[in-house]
Amino acid sequence: MDSQNDSSVSSEDTNDGIIEREESRYQRKGYGLIFAILFTLFGFTVFPQIIQYQYLSCLQGLQPQYIQMIMLISTHLLGFSLGNLGMYFIYKAKSPFFERYRTRQNPWPWDENPEQWRKKRREVWKSTSINMCLGVLMCILDTLLNPLIRNDIDSFPTIFEMIWQIVFSMLIEDTCFYWTHRTLHSPKLYSIIHKKHHEFYTSVSYAAIYTHPIEYVFGNVIPVFIGQKILGNKMHIATLQLWLLFRIGETIDGHSGYEFSWSPYRLLPFSSSAESHNYHHSHNVGNYGSFFVFWDTIMGSNKSYNSFIADKYGKIKKLKSKKKE
């Protein structure tokens, strides 16, 4: 459990220290930063067109509630399925191109103990299936019990509208996720709920929704939709769908065990990372946020991680300088 002394950080750490870490984070991305920008631009230009012309237009003959229900459920199911399928091929490929982005060099669970992994895999499938069904049920209930949001083509959102609403949803989700996640690390709740998720000492994408159903509902699903509930009908179903895809991709990326330099999810300033979440799994302490490090920095719950990163990349710099000499 969390044995870290969480306290407010000093003014020095919240100013010079944070700026230096951000500069170092962007520098480590190298040319990957360019590709991260390109992927982000692609996501906000091509995907809305696909949603508008290939998806919404095909559903326009249906009643609005069915359009909303189909779009939410399909995004939920396809997002997790295709995301994990992509990571499956990356894990199996063991390509040097991908392996250089590993956050830790210890064996993957299936390599460390194949027999134990076969048993664990059944548990993962079972837990994931239960949570996926819960997600589908919540999409149905949300559509039936709450007012419908815009889902017509005539009021399709602009790129600017999509961007600011998704960023707003990210900030709301990150706040809710931080505090629910940190609460789940309290001794009583950890032992009966959150411990299940931490069975993965080495984080892998399959662990993204390998959680207790209570945690999945209150810690994962509800925080994602709060931003939309605040915005109400100002948010179009296309924006909500793109936001859901973005959040699903982020949690798979964050649990993947790879710190891809081209990841669009780590493009914004003060972003969290796959490396920070892997540290959370391996050390079981701090780094409670999802997208950002704001709350971890304010509450001092990432101090041990910051020391770990400073030491890690400090050693790497020394080794590189010695090789040049």
C-alpha atoms as a PDB file:
ATOM      1  CA  MET A   1       0.000   0.000   0.000  1.00  0.00           C
ATOM      2  CA  ASP A   2       0.919   3.654  -0.063  1.00  0.00           C
ATOM      3  CA  SER A   3       3.621   4.245   2.491  1.00  0.00           C
ATOM      4  CA  GLN A   4       4.706   7.578   1.028  1.00  0.00           C
ATOM      5  CA  ASN A   5       4.448  10.703   3.138  1.00  0.00           C
ATOM      6  CA  ASP A   6       2.103  12.770   0.956  1.00  0.00           C
ATOM      7  CA  SER A   7       2.535  16.441   1.680  1.00  0.00           C
ATOM      8  CA  SER A   8       2.390  19.686  -0.239  1.00  0.00           C
ATOM      9  CA  VAL A   9       5.504  20.277  -2.317  1.00  0.00           C
ATOM     10  CA  SER A  10       7.788  23.245  -1.829  1.00  0.00           C
ATOM     11  CA  SER A  11       7.561  26.360  -4.003  1.00  0.00           C
ATOM     12  CA  GLU A  12      10.971  25.488  -5.503  1.00  0.00           C
ATOM     13  CA  ASP A  13       9.682  22.078  -6.601  1.00  0.00           C
ATOM     14  CA  THR A  14       6.481  23.542  -8.047  1.00  0.00           C
ATOM     15  CA  ASN A  15       8.407  26.067 -10.143  1.00  0.00           C
ATOM     16  CA  ASP A  16      11.977  25.335 -11.294  1.00  0.00           C
ATOM     17  CA  GLY A  17      11.754  21.597 -10.607  1.00  0.00           C
ATOM     18  CA  ILE A  18       8.590  21.090 -12.636  1.00  0.00           C
ATOM     19  CA  ILE A  19       9.823  23.194 -15.566  1.00  0.00           C
ATOM     20  CA  GLU A  20      13.105  21.283 -15.666  1.00  0.00           C
ATOM     21  CA  ARG A  21      11.282  17.929 -15.643  1.00  0.00           C
ATOM     22  CA  GLU A  22       9.023  19.072 -18.477  1.00  0.00           C
ATOM     23  CA  GLU A  23      12.002  20.233 -20.552  1.00  0.00           C
ATOM     24  CA  SER A  24      13.753  16.939 -19.933  1.00  0.00           C
ATOM     25  CA  ARG A  25      10.604  14.960 -20.825  1.00  0.00           C
ATOM     26  CA  TYR A  26      10.227  16.687 -24.188  1.00  0.00           C
ATOM     27  CA  GLN A  27      13.952  16.369 -24.926  1.00  0.00           C
ATOM     28  CA  ARG A  28      13.804  12.609 -24.331  1.00  0.00           C
ATOM     29  CA  LYS A  29      11.072  12.318 -26.952  1.00  0.00           C
ATOM     30  CA  GLY A  30      13.444  13.531 -29.665  1.00  0.00           C
ATOM     31  CA  TYR A  31      12.006  13.155 -33.148  1.00  0.00           C
ATOM     32  CA  GLY A  32       9.135  11.181 -31.647  1.00  0.00           C
ATOM     33  CA  LEU A  33       7.663  14.535 -30.622  1.00  0.00           C
ATOM     34  CA  ILE A  34       7.089  15.386 -34.287  1.00  0.00           C
ATOM     35  CA  PHE A  35       5.222  12.125 -34.871  1.00  0.00           C
ATOM     36  CA  ALA A  36       3.174  12.665 -31.703  1.00  0.00           C
ATOM     37  CA  ILE A  37       2.032  16.014 -33.104  1.00  0.00           C
ATOM     38  CA  LEU A  38       1.229  14.420 -36.483  1.00  0.00           C
ATOM     39  CA  PHE A  39      -0.778  11.619 -34.833  1.00  0.00           C
ATOM     40  CA  THR A  40      -2.722  14.185 -32.813  1.00  0.00           C
ATOM     41  CA  LEU A  41      -3.521  16.233 -35.919  1.00  0.00           C
ATOM     42  CA  PHE A  42      -4.556  13.041 -37.700  1.00  0.00           C
ATOM     43  CA  GLY A  43      -6.864  12.128 -34.820  1.00  0.00           C
ATOM     44  CA  PHE A  44      -8.649  15.479 -34.834  1.00  0.00           C
ATOM     45  CA  THR A  45      -9.020  15.703 -38.619  1.00  0.00           C
ATOM     46  CA  VAL A  46      -9.475  12.196 -40.023  1.00  0.00           C
ATOM     47  CA  PHE A  47     -11.442  10.516 -37.219  1.00  0.00           C
ATOM     48  CA  PRO A  48     -14.184  13.193 -37.107  1.00  0.00           C
ATOM     49  CA  GLN A  49     -14.632  12.761 -40.845  1.00  0.00           C
ATOM     50  CA  ILE A  50     -14.982   8.998 -40.425  1.00  0.00           C
ATOM     51  CA  ILE A  51     -17.511   9.506 -37.639  1.00  0.00           C
ATOM     52  CA  GLN A  52     -19.475  12.063 -39.650  1.00  0.00           C
ATOM     53  CA  TYR A  53     -19.586  10.489 -43.087  1.00  0.00           C
ATOM     54  CA  GLN A  54     -19.173   6.768 -42.470  1.00  0.00           C
ATOM     55  CA  TYR A  55     -20.842   6.340 -39.095  1.00  0.00           C
ATOM     56  CA  LEU A  56     -23.445   8.967 -38.290  1.00  0.00           C
ATOM     57  CA  SER A  57     -24.748   9.115 -41.851  1.00  0.00           C
ATOM     58  CA  CYS A  58     -25.420   5.354 -41.804  1.00  0.00           C
ATOM     59  CA  LEU A  59     -27.401   5.645 -38.558  1.00  0.00           C
ATOM     60  CA  GLN A  60     -29.513   8.688 -39.386  1.00  0.00           C
ATOM     61  CA  GLY A  61     -32.602   6.585 -40.127  1.00  0.00           C
ATOM     62  CA  LEU A  62     -32.702   5.311 -36.541  1.00  0.00           C
ATOM     63  CA  GLN A  63     -34.227   7.008 -33.514  1.00  0.00           C
ATOM     64  CA  PRO A  64     -31.803   9.334 -31.646  1.00  0.00           C
ATOM     65  CA  GLN A  65     -31.536   7.117 -28.561  1.00  0.00           C
ATOM     66  CA  TYR A  66     -30.521   4.137 -30.685  1.00  0.00           C
ATOM     67  CA  ILE A  67     -27.898   6.214 -32.489  1.00  0.00           C
ATOM     68  CA  GLN A  68     -26.407   7.276 -29.172  1.00  0.00           C
ATOM     69  CA  MET A  69     -26.563   3.763 -27.733  1.00  0.00           C
ATOM     70  CA  ILE A  70     -24.908   2.136 -30.757  1.00  0.00           C
ATOM     71  CA  MET A  71     -22.117   4.706 -30.901  1.00  0.00           C
ATOM     72  CA  LEU A  72     -21.299   4.444 -27.185  1.00  0.00           C
ATOM     73  CA  ILE A  73     -21.382   0.645 -27.055  1.00  0.00           C
ATOM     74  CA  SER A  74     -19.377   0.140 -30.255  1.00  0.00           C
ATOM     75  CA  THR A  75     -16.735   2.643 -29.094  1.00  0.00           C
ATOM     76  CA  HIS A  76     -16.443   0.876 -25.747  1.00  0.00           C
ATOM     77  CA  LEU A  77     -16.101  -2.612 -27.245  1.00  0.00           C
ATOM     78  CA  LEU A  78     -13.984  -1.797 -30.304  1.00  0.00           C
ATOM     79  CA  GLY A  79     -11.687   0.581 -28.429  1.00  0.00           C
ATOM     80  CA  PHE A  80     -10.536  -1.970 -25.869  1.00  0.00           C
ATOM     81  CA  SER A  81     -10.555  -4.914 -28.286  1.00  0.00           C
ATOM     82  CA  LEU A  82      -8.554  -3.277 -31.074  1.00  0.00           C
ATOM     83  CA  GLY A  83      -6.222  -1.483 -28.658  1.00  0.00           C
ATOM     84  CA  ASN A  84      -5.253  -4.681 -26.872  1.00  0.00           C
ATOM     85  CA  LEU A  85      -5.034  -6.573 -30.152  1.00  0.00           C
ATOM     86  CA  GLY A  86      -2.498  -4.031 -31.380  1.00  0.00           C
ATOM     87  CA  MET A  87      -0.479  -4.397 -28.175  1.00  0.00           C
ATOM     88  CA  TYR A  88      -0.657  -8.200 -28.496  1.00  0.00           C
ATOM     89  CA  PHE A  89       1.207  -8.017 -31.806  1.00  0.00           C
ATOM     90  CA  ILE A  90       3.776  -5.626 -30.325  1.00  0.00           C
ATOM     91  CA  TYR A  91       4.401  -7.939 -27.361  1.00  0.00           C
ATOM     92  CA  LYS A  92       4.724 -10.992 -29.607  1.00  0.00           C
ATOM     93  CA  ALA A  93       6.945  -9.274 -32.165  1.00  0.00           C
ATOM     94  CA  LYS A  94       9.710  -8.572 -29.615  1.00  0.00           C
ATOM     95  CA  SER A  95      11.107  -6.167 -32.185  1.00  0.00           C
ATOM     96  CA  PRO A  96      14.152  -4.103 -31.171  1.00  0.00           C
ATOM     97  CA  PHE A  97      12.304  -1.098 -32.573  1.00  0.00           C
ATOM     98  CA  PHE A  98       9.625  -1.436 -29.888  1.00  0.00           C
ATOM     99  CA  GLU A  99      11.735  -3.007 -27.140  1.00  0.00           C
ATOM    100  CA  ARG A 100      13.937   0.068 -26.838  1.00  0.00           C
ATOM    101  CA  TYR A 101      10.879   1.848 -25.398  1.00  0.00           C
ATOM    102  CA  ARG A 102      10.414  -0.640 -22.542  1.00  0.00           C
ATOM    103  CA  THR A 103      10.061   1.135 -19.198  1.00  0.00           C
ATOM    104  CA  ARG A 104      11.522  -1.883 -17.375  1.00  0.00           C
ATOM    105  CA  GLN A 105      13.674  -4.722 -18.650  1.00  0.00           C
ATOM    106  CA  ASN A 106      12.275  -7.491 -16.455  1.00  0.00           C
ATOM    107  CA  PRO A 107      10.415 -10.314 -18.271  1.00  0.00           C
ATOM    108  CA  TRP A 108       6.776  -9.979 -19.286  1.00  0.00           C
ATOM    109  CA  PRO A 109       4.419 -12.157 -17.181  1.00  0.00           C
ATOM    110  CA  TRP A 110       4.035 -14.723 -20.009  1.00  0.00           C
ATOM    111  CA  ASP A 111       7.821 -15.040 -20.370  1.00  0.00           C
ATOM    112  CA  GLU A 112       8.597 -15.098 -16.665  1.00  0.00           C
ATOM    113  CA  ASN A 113       6.255 -18.003 -15.862  1.00  0.00           C
ATOM    114  CA  PRO A 114       4.321 -19.369 -18.875  1.00  0.00           C
ATOM    115  CA  GLU A 115       2.344 -21.902 -16.855  1.00  0.00           C
ATOM    116  CA  GLN A 116       1.271 -19.365 -14.263  1.00  0.00           C
ATOM    117  CA  TRP A 117       0.391 -16.918 -17.057  1.00  0.00           C
ATOM    118  CA  ARG A 118      -1.955 -19.428 -18.699  1.00  0.00           C
ATOM    119  CA  LYS A 119      -3.931 -19.586 -15.458  1.00  0.00           C
ATOM    120  CA  LYS A 120      -3.742 -15.829 -15.019  1.00  0.00           C
ATOM    121  CA  ARG A 121      -4.903 -15.255 -18.579  1.00  0.00           C
ATOM    122  CA  ARG A 122      -8.198 -17.010 -17.827  1.00  0.00           C
ATOM    123  CA  GLU A 123      -8.734 -14.700 -14.846  1.00  0.00           C
ATOM    124  CA  VAL A 124      -7.944 -11.676 -17.010  1.00  0.00           C
ATOM    125  CA  TRP A 125     -10.418 -12.758 -19.694  1.00  0.00           C
ATOM    126  CA  LYS A 126     -13.119 -13.384 -17.101  1.00  0.00           C
ATOM    127  CA  SER A 127     -12.627 -10.089 -15.264  1.00  0.00           C
ATOM    128  CA  THR A 128     -12.319  -8.104 -18.491  1.00  0.00           C
ATOM    129  CA  SER A 129     -15.484  -9.698 -19.911  1.00  0.00           C
ATOM    130  CA  ILE A 130     -17.445  -8.828 -16.751  1.00  0.00           C
ATOM    131  CA  ASN A 131     -16.259  -5.222 -16.852  1.00  0.00           C
ATOM    132  CA  MET A 132     -16.920  -4.913 -20.581  1.00  0.00           C
ATOM    133  CA  CYS A 133     -20.487  -6.103 -19.986  1.00  0.00           C
ATOM    134  CA  LEU A 134     -20.823  -3.600 -17.141  1.00  0.00           C
ATOM    135  CA  GLY A 135     -19.623  -0.883 -19.493  1.00  0.00           C
ATOM    136  CA  VAL A 136     -22.221  -1.868 -22.100  1.00  0.00           C
ATOM    137  CA  LEU A 137     -24.939  -1.892 -19.441  1.00  0.00           C
ATOM    138  CA  MET A 138     -23.941   1.580 -18.240  1.00  0.00           C
ATOM    139  CA  CYS A 139     -24.020   2.893 -21.828  1.00  0.00           C
ATOM    140  CA  ILE A 140     -27.561   1.546 -22.199  1.00  0.00           C
ATOM    141  CA  LEU A 141     -28.751   2.910 -18.861  1.00  0.00           C
ATOM    142  CA  ASP A 142     -27.158   6.302 -19.497  1.00  0.00           C
ATOM    143  CA  THR A 143     -28.991   6.569 -22.828  1.00  0.00           C
ATOM    144  CA  LEU A 144     -32.349   5.492 -21.392  1.00  0.00           C
ATOM    145  CA  LEU A 145     -32.278   7.421 -18.118  1.00  0.00           C
ATOM    146  CA  ASN A 146     -30.586  10.685 -19.110  1.00  0.00           C
ATOM    147  CA  PRO A 147     -31.425  13.366 -21.701  1.00  0.00           C
ATOM    148  CA  LEU A 148     -30.023  12.650 -25.150  1.00  0.00           C
ATOM    149  CA  ILE A 149     -27.087  14.672 -26.412  1.00  0.00           C
ATOM    150  CA  ARG A 150     -26.813  16.064 -29.940  1.00  0.00           C
ATOM    151  CA  ASN A 151     -26.266  13.365 -32.537  1.00  0.00           C
ATOM    152  CA  ASP A 152     -27.387  15.010 -35.773  1.00  0.00           C
ATOM    153  CA  ILE A 153     -25.134  15.790 -38.729  1.00  0.00           C
ATOM    154  CA  ASP A 154     -26.325  19.411 -39.109  1.00  0.00           C
ATOM    155  CA  SER A 155     -24.803  20.475 -35.768  1.00  0.00           C
ATOM    156  CA  PHE A 156     -21.625  18.405 -36.191  1.00  0.00           C
ATOM    157  CA  PRO A 157     -18.898  20.055 -34.064  1.00  0.00           C
ATOM    158  CA  THR A 158     -15.927  21.996 -35.379  1.00  0.00           C
ATOM    159  CA  ILE A 159     -12.392  20.827 -34.606  1.00  0.00           C
ATOM    160  CA  PHE A 160     -11.986  23.701 -32.124  1.00  0.00           C
ATOM    161  CA  GLU A 161     -15.171  22.667 -30.300  1.00  0.00           C
ATOM    162  CA  MET A 162     -13.968  19.077 -30.105  1.00  0.00           C
ATOM    163  CA  ILE A 163     -10.540  20.038 -28.800  1.00  0.00           C
ATOM    164  CA  TRP A 164     -11.631  22.348 -25.973  1.00  0.00           C
ATOM    165  CA  GLN A 165     -14.370  19.976 -24.826  1.00  0.00           C
ATOM    166  CA  ILE A 166     -12.025  16.983 -24.805  1.00  0.00           C
ATOM    167  CA  VAL A 167      -9.362  18.944 -22.887  1.00  0.00           C
ATOM    168  CA  PHE A 168     -12.070  20.021 -20.426  1.00  0.00           C
ATOM    169  CA  SER A 169     -13.167  16.380 -20.035  1.00  0.00           C
ATOM    170  CA  MET A 170      -9.539  15.333 -19.528  1.00  0.00           C
ATOM    171  CA  LEU A 171      -9.074  17.792 -16.662  1.00  0.00           C
ATOM    172  CA  ILE A 172     -12.324  16.732 -14.978  1.00  0.00           C
ATOM    173  CA  GLU A 173     -11.572  13.031 -15.440  1.00  0.00           C
ATOM    174  CA  ASP A 174      -8.016  13.409 -14.171  1.00  0.00           C
ATOM    175  CA  THR A 175      -9.233  15.123 -10.991  1.00  0.00           C
ATOM    176  CA  CYS A 176     -11.892  12.498 -10.304  1.00  0.00           C
ATOM    177  CA  PHE A 177      -9.562   9.649 -11.184  1.00  0.00           C
ATOM    178  CA  TYR A 178      -6.788  10.954  -8.923  1.00  0.00           C
ATOM    179  CA  TRP A 179      -8.972  11.129  -5.832  1.00  0.00           C
ATOM    180  CA  THR A 180     -10.832   7.869  -6.404  1.00  0.00           C
ATOM    181  CA  HIS A 181      -7.558   6.099  -7.185  1.00  0.00           C
ATOM    182  CA  ARG A 182      -5.845   7.546  -4.118  1.00  0.00           C
ATOM    183  CA  THR A 183      -8.848   6.639  -1.962  1.00  0.00           C
ATOM    184  CA  LEU A 184      -8.661   3.050  -3.239  1.00  0.00           C
ATOM    185  CA  HIS A 185      -5.113   2.911  -1.886  1.00  0.00           C
ATOM    186  CA  SER A 186      -6.364   3.365   1.666  1.00  0.00           C
ATOM    187  CA  PRO A 187      -5.637   0.110   3.561  1.00  0.00           C
ATOM    188  CA  LYS A 188      -9.213  -1.177   3.831  1.00  0.00           C
ATOM    189  CA  LEU A 189     -10.301  -0.404   0.282  1.00  0.00           C
ATOM    190  CA  TYR A 190      -7.008  -1.579  -1.156  1.00  0.00           C
ATOM    191  CA  SER A 191      -7.272  -5.042   0.334  1.00  0.00           C
ATOM    192  CA  ILE A 192     -10.863  -5.676  -0.787  1.00  0.00           C
ATOM    193  CA  ILE A 193     -10.973  -3.750  -4.105  1.00  0.00           C
ATOM    194  CA  HIS A 194      -7.818  -2.240  -5.608  1.00  0.00           C
ATOM    195  CA  LYS A 195      -5.408  -5.072  -4.809  1.00  0.00           C
ATOM    196  CA  LYS A 196      -6.831  -7.016  -7.760  1.00  0.00           C
ATOM    197  CA  HIS A 197      -5.528  -4.426 -10.233  1.00  0.00           C
ATOM    198  CA  HIS A 198      -2.091  -4.531  -8.594  1.00  0.00           C
ATOM    199  CA  GLU A 199      -1.686  -8.247  -9.185  1.00  0.00           C
ATOM    200  CA  PHE A 200       0.239  -7.062 -12.236  1.00  0.00           C
ATOM    201  CA  TYR A 201       3.593  -6.066 -10.764  1.00  0.00           C
ATOM    202  CA  THR A 202       4.794  -5.451 -14.312  1.00  0.00           C
ATOM    203  CA  SER A 203       2.129  -3.409 -16.031  1.00  0.00           C
ATOM    204  CA  VAL A 204       0.772  -4.684 -19.367  1.00  0.00           C
ATOM    205  CA  SER A 205      -2.080  -3.401 -21.525  1.00  0.00           C
ATOM    206  CA  TYR A 206      -4.357  -6.273 -20.488  1.00  0.00           C
ATOM    207  CA  ALA A 207      -4.327  -4.872 -16.945  1.00  0.00           C
ATOM    208  CA  ALA A 208      -6.079  -1.677 -18.083  1.00  0.00           C
ATOM    209  CA  ILE A 209      -9.523  -2.895 -17.013  1.00  0.00           C
ATOM    210  CA  TYR A 210      -8.443  -5.899 -14.963  1.00  0.00           C
ATOM    211  CA  THR A 211     -10.099  -4.440 -11.882  1.00  0.00           C
ATOM    212  CA  HIS A 212     -12.746  -5.143  -9.301  1.00  0.00           C
ATOM    213  CA  PRO A 213     -16.180  -4.267 -10.802  1.00  0.00           C
ATOM    214  CA  ILE A 214     -16.721  -1.582  -8.145  1.00  0.00           C
ATOM    215  CA  GLU A 215     -13.448   0.091  -9.102  1.00  0.00           C
ATOM    216  CA  TYR A 216     -14.264  -0.173 -12.790  1.00  0.00           C
ATOM    217  CA  VAL A 217     -17.625   1.551 -12.378  1.00  0.00           C
ATOM    218  CA  PHE A 218     -16.711   4.279  -9.891  1.00  0.00           C
ATOM    219  CA  GLY A 219     -13.033   4.751 -10.675  1.00  0.00           C
ATOM    220  CA  ASN A 220     -12.908   4.214 -14.436  1.00  0.00           C
ATOM    221  CA  VAL A 221     -16.280   4.710 -16.127  1.00  0.00           C
ATOM    222  CA  ILE A 222     -18.052   7.438 -14.147  1.00  0.00           C
ATOM    223  CA  PRO A 223     -15.113   9.932 -14.137  1.00  0.00           C
ATOM    224  CA  VAL A 224     -14.958   9.685 -17.951  1.00  0.00           C
ATOM    225  CA  PHE A 225     -18.567  10.840 -18.370  1.00  0.00           C
ATOM    226  CA  ILE A 226     -18.630  13.650 -15.791  1.00  0.00           C
ATOM    227  CA  GLY A 227     -17.273  16.234 -18.235  1.00  0.00           C
ATOM    228  CA  GLN A 228     -20.056  15.436 -20.695  1.00  0.00           C
ATOM    229  CA  LYS A 229     -22.672  15.645 -17.936  1.00  0.00           C
ATOM    230  CA  ILE A 230     -21.433  19.133 -17.058  1.00  0.00           C
ATOM    231  CA  LEU A 231     -21.481  20.270 -20.700  1.00  0.00           C
ATOM    232  CA  GLY A 232     -24.794  18.569 -21.408  1.00  0.00           C
ATOM    233  CA  ASN A 233     -26.156  19.120 -24.909  1.00  0.00           C
ATOM    234  CA  LYS A 234     -23.243  21.412 -25.743  1.00  0.00           C
ATOM    235  CA  MET A 235     -21.252  18.247 -26.449  1.00  0.00           C
ATOM    236  CA  HIS A 236     -22.055  16.339 -29.631  1.00  0.00           C
ATOM    237  CA  ILE A 237     -22.062  12.532 -29.667  1.00  0.00           C
ATOM    238  CA  ALA A 238     -19.114  12.663 -32.117  1.00  0.00           C
ATOM    239  CA  THR A 239     -17.040  14.589 -29.554  1.00  0.00           C
ATOM    240  CA  LEU A 240     -18.022  12.136 -26.829  1.00  0.00           C
ATOM    241  CA  GLN A 241     -17.082   9.210 -29.060  1.00  0.00           C
ATOM    242  CA  LEU A 242     -13.683  10.726 -29.876  1.00  0.00           C
ATOM    243  CA  TRP A 243     -13.115  11.470 -26.177  1.00  0.00           C
ATOM    244  CA  LEU A 244     -13.943   7.869 -25.239  1.00  0.00           C
ATOM    245  CA  LEU A 245     -11.542   6.546 -27.884  1.00  0.00           C
ATOM    246  CA  PHE A 246      -8.873   8.910 -26.585  1.00  0.00           C
ATOM    247  CA  ARG A 247      -9.363   7.810 -22.963  1.00  0.00           C
ATOM    248  CA  ILE A 248      -9.427   4.107 -23.849  1.00  0.00           C
ATOM    249  CA  GLY A 249      -6.260   4.495 -25.909  1.00  0.00           C
ATOM    250  CA  GLU A 250      -4.608   6.386 -23.067  1.00  0.00           C
ATOM    251  CA  THR A 251      -5.259   3.721 -20.446  1.00  0.00           C
ATOM    252  CA  ILE A 252      -4.007   0.968 -22.774  1.00  0.00           C
ATOM    253  CA  ASP A 253      -0.914   3.051 -23.581  1.00  0.00           C
ATOM    254  CA  GLY A 254      -0.401   3.879 -19.900  1.00  0.00           C
ATOM    255  CA  HIS A 255      -0.493   0.216 -18.892  1.00  0.00           C
ATOM    256  CA  SER A 256       1.459  -1.074 -21.897  1.00  0.00           C
ATOM    257  CA  GLY A 257       4.894  -1.074 -20.292  1.00  0.00           C
ATOM    258  CA  TYR A 258       6.273   0.980 -23.195  1.00  0.00           C
ATOM    259  CA  GLU A 259       7.068   4.689 -23.112  1.00  0.00           C
ATOM    260  CA  PHE A 260       6.577   5.407 -26.805  1.00  0.00           C
ATOM    261  CA  SER A 261       8.128   8.741 -27.746  1.00  0.00           C
ATOM    262  CA  TRP A 262       5.456   9.278 -30.402  1.00  0.00           C
ATOM    263  CA  SER A 263       2.502   8.744 -28.063  1.00  0.00           C
ATOM    264  CA  PRO A 264      -0.077  11.520 -28.636  1.00  0.00           C
ATOM    265  CA  TYR A 265      -1.403  10.947 -25.114  1.00  0.00           C
ATOM    266  CA  ARG A 266       1.759  12.461 -23.583  1.00  0.00           C
ATOM    267  CA  LEU A 267       1.922  15.481 -25.845  1.00  0.00           C
ATOM    268  CA  LEU A 268       0.276  18.052 -23.576  1.00  0.00           C
ATOM    269  CA  PRO A 269       2.425  19.819 -20.942  1.00  0.00           C
ATOM    270  CA  PHE A 270       2.518  18.223 -17.488  1.00  0.00           C
ATOM    271  CA  SER A 271       1.281  14.903 -18.854  1.00  0.00           C
ATOM    272  CA  SER A 272       1.611  11.653 -16.983  1.00  0.00           C
ATOM    273  CA  SER A 273       3.340   8.724 -18.706  1.00  0.00           C
ATOM    274  CA  ALA A 274       3.467   4.963 -19.118  1.00  0.00           C
ATOM    275  CA  GLU A 275       6.718   5.036 -17.177  1.00  0.00           C
ATOM    276  CA  SER A 276       5.118   6.779 -14.200  1.00  0.00           C
ATOM    277  CA  HIS A 277       2.221   4.325 -14.145  1.00  0.00           C
ATOM    278  CA  ASN A 278       4.575   1.353 -14.399  1.00  0.00           C
ATOM    279  CA  TYR A 279       6.413   2.792 -11.395  1.00  0.00           C
ATOM    280  CA  HIS A 280       3.074   2.915  -9.600  1.00  0.00           C
ATOM    281  CA  HIS A 281       2.561  -0.811 -10.289  1.00  0.00           C
ATOM    282  CA  SER A 282       6.112  -1.874  -9.440  1.00  0.00           C
ATOM    283  CA  HIS A 283       6.446   0.249  -6.287  1.00  0.00           C
ATOM    284  CA  ASN A 284       2.764   0.507  -5.335  1.00  0.00           C
ATOM    285  CA  VAL A 285       3.120   4.130  -4.348  1.00  0.00           C
ATOM    286  CA  GLY A 286       2.133   7.566  -5.680  1.00  0.00           C
ATOM    287  CA  ASN A 287       1.391   8.606  -9.283  1.00  0.00           C
ATOM    288  CA  TYR A 288      -2.380   8.413  -8.874  1.00  0.00           C
ATOM    289  CA  GLY A 289      -3.343  10.663 -11.799  1.00  0.00           C
ATOM    290  CA  SER A 290      -4.385   9.523 -15.253  1.00  0.00           C
ATOM    291  CA  PHE A 291      -3.560  12.219 -17.839  1.00  0.00           C
ATOM    292  CA  PHE A 292      -1.687  14.826 -15.833  1.00  0.00           C
ATOM    293  CA  VAL A 293       0.686  15.272 -12.878  1.00  0.00           C
ATOM    294  CA  PHE A 294      -1.066  18.345 -11.433  1.00  0.00           C
ATOM    295  CA  TRP A 295      -2.643  16.662  -8.423  1.00  0.00           C
ATOM    296  CA  ASP A 296       0.329  14.382  -7.779  1.00  0.00           C
ATOM    297  CA  THR A 297       2.569  17.453  -7.742  1.00  0.00           C
ATOM    298  CA  ILE A 298       0.254  19.568  -5.567  1.00  0.00           C
ATOM    299  CA  MET A 299      -0.246  16.735  -3.067  1.00  0.00           C
ATOM    300  CA  GLY A 300       3.358  15.554  -3.196  1.00  0.00           C
ATOM    301  CA  SER A 301       2.395  12.007  -4.148  1.00  0.00           C
ATOM    302  CA  ASN A 302       5.007  11.744  -6.922  1.00  0.00           C
ATOM    303  CA  LYS A 303       8.109  12.714  -4.938  1.00  0.00           C
ATOM    304  CA  SER A 304       9.618   9.241  -4.862  1.00  0.00           C
ATOM    305  CA  TYR A 305       8.986   8.818  -8.584  1.00  0.00           C
ATOM    306  CA  ASN A 306      10.622  12.161  -9.397  1.00  0.00           C
ATOM    307  CA  SER A 307      13.713  11.094  -7.432  1.00  0.00           C
ATOM    308  CA  PHE A 308      13.703   7.747  -9.241  1.00  0.00           C
ATOM    309  CA  ILE A 309      13.497   9.409 -12.681  1.00  0.00           C
ATOM    310  CA  ALA A 310      16.173  11.996 -11.856  1.00  0.00           C
ATOM    311  CA  ASP A 311      18.499   9.209 -10.748  1.00  0.00           C
ATOM    312  CA  LYS A 312      17.683   6.976 -13.747  1.00  0.00           C
ATOM    313  CA  TYR A 313      18.229   9.562 -16.464  1.00  0.00           C
ATOM    314  CA  GLY A 314      21.141  11.105 -14.603  1.00  0.00           C
ATOM    315  CA  LYS A 315      22.939   7.752 -14.843  1.00  0.00           C
ATOM    316  CA  ILE A 316      22.033   7.435 -18.529  1.00  0.00           C
ATOM    317  CA  LYS A 317      23.517  10.884 -19.245  1.00  0.00           C
ATOM    318  CA  LYS A 318      26.738   9.945 -17.446  1.00  0.00           C
ATOM    319  CA  LEU A 319      27.056   6.727 -19.457  1.00  0.00           C
ATOM    320  CA  LYS A 320      26.522   8.597 -22.733  1.00  0.00           C
ATOM    321  CA  SER A 321      29.097  11.226 -21.814  1.00  0.00           C
ATOM    322  CA  LYS A 322      31.634   8.513 -20.922  1.00  0.00           C
ATOM    323  CA  LYS A 323      31.085   6.798 -24.277  1.00  0.00           C
ATOM    324  CA  LYS A 324      31.730  10.076 -26.095  1.00  0.00           C
ATOM    325  CA  GLU A 325      34.982  10.513 -24.200  1.00  0.00           C
END
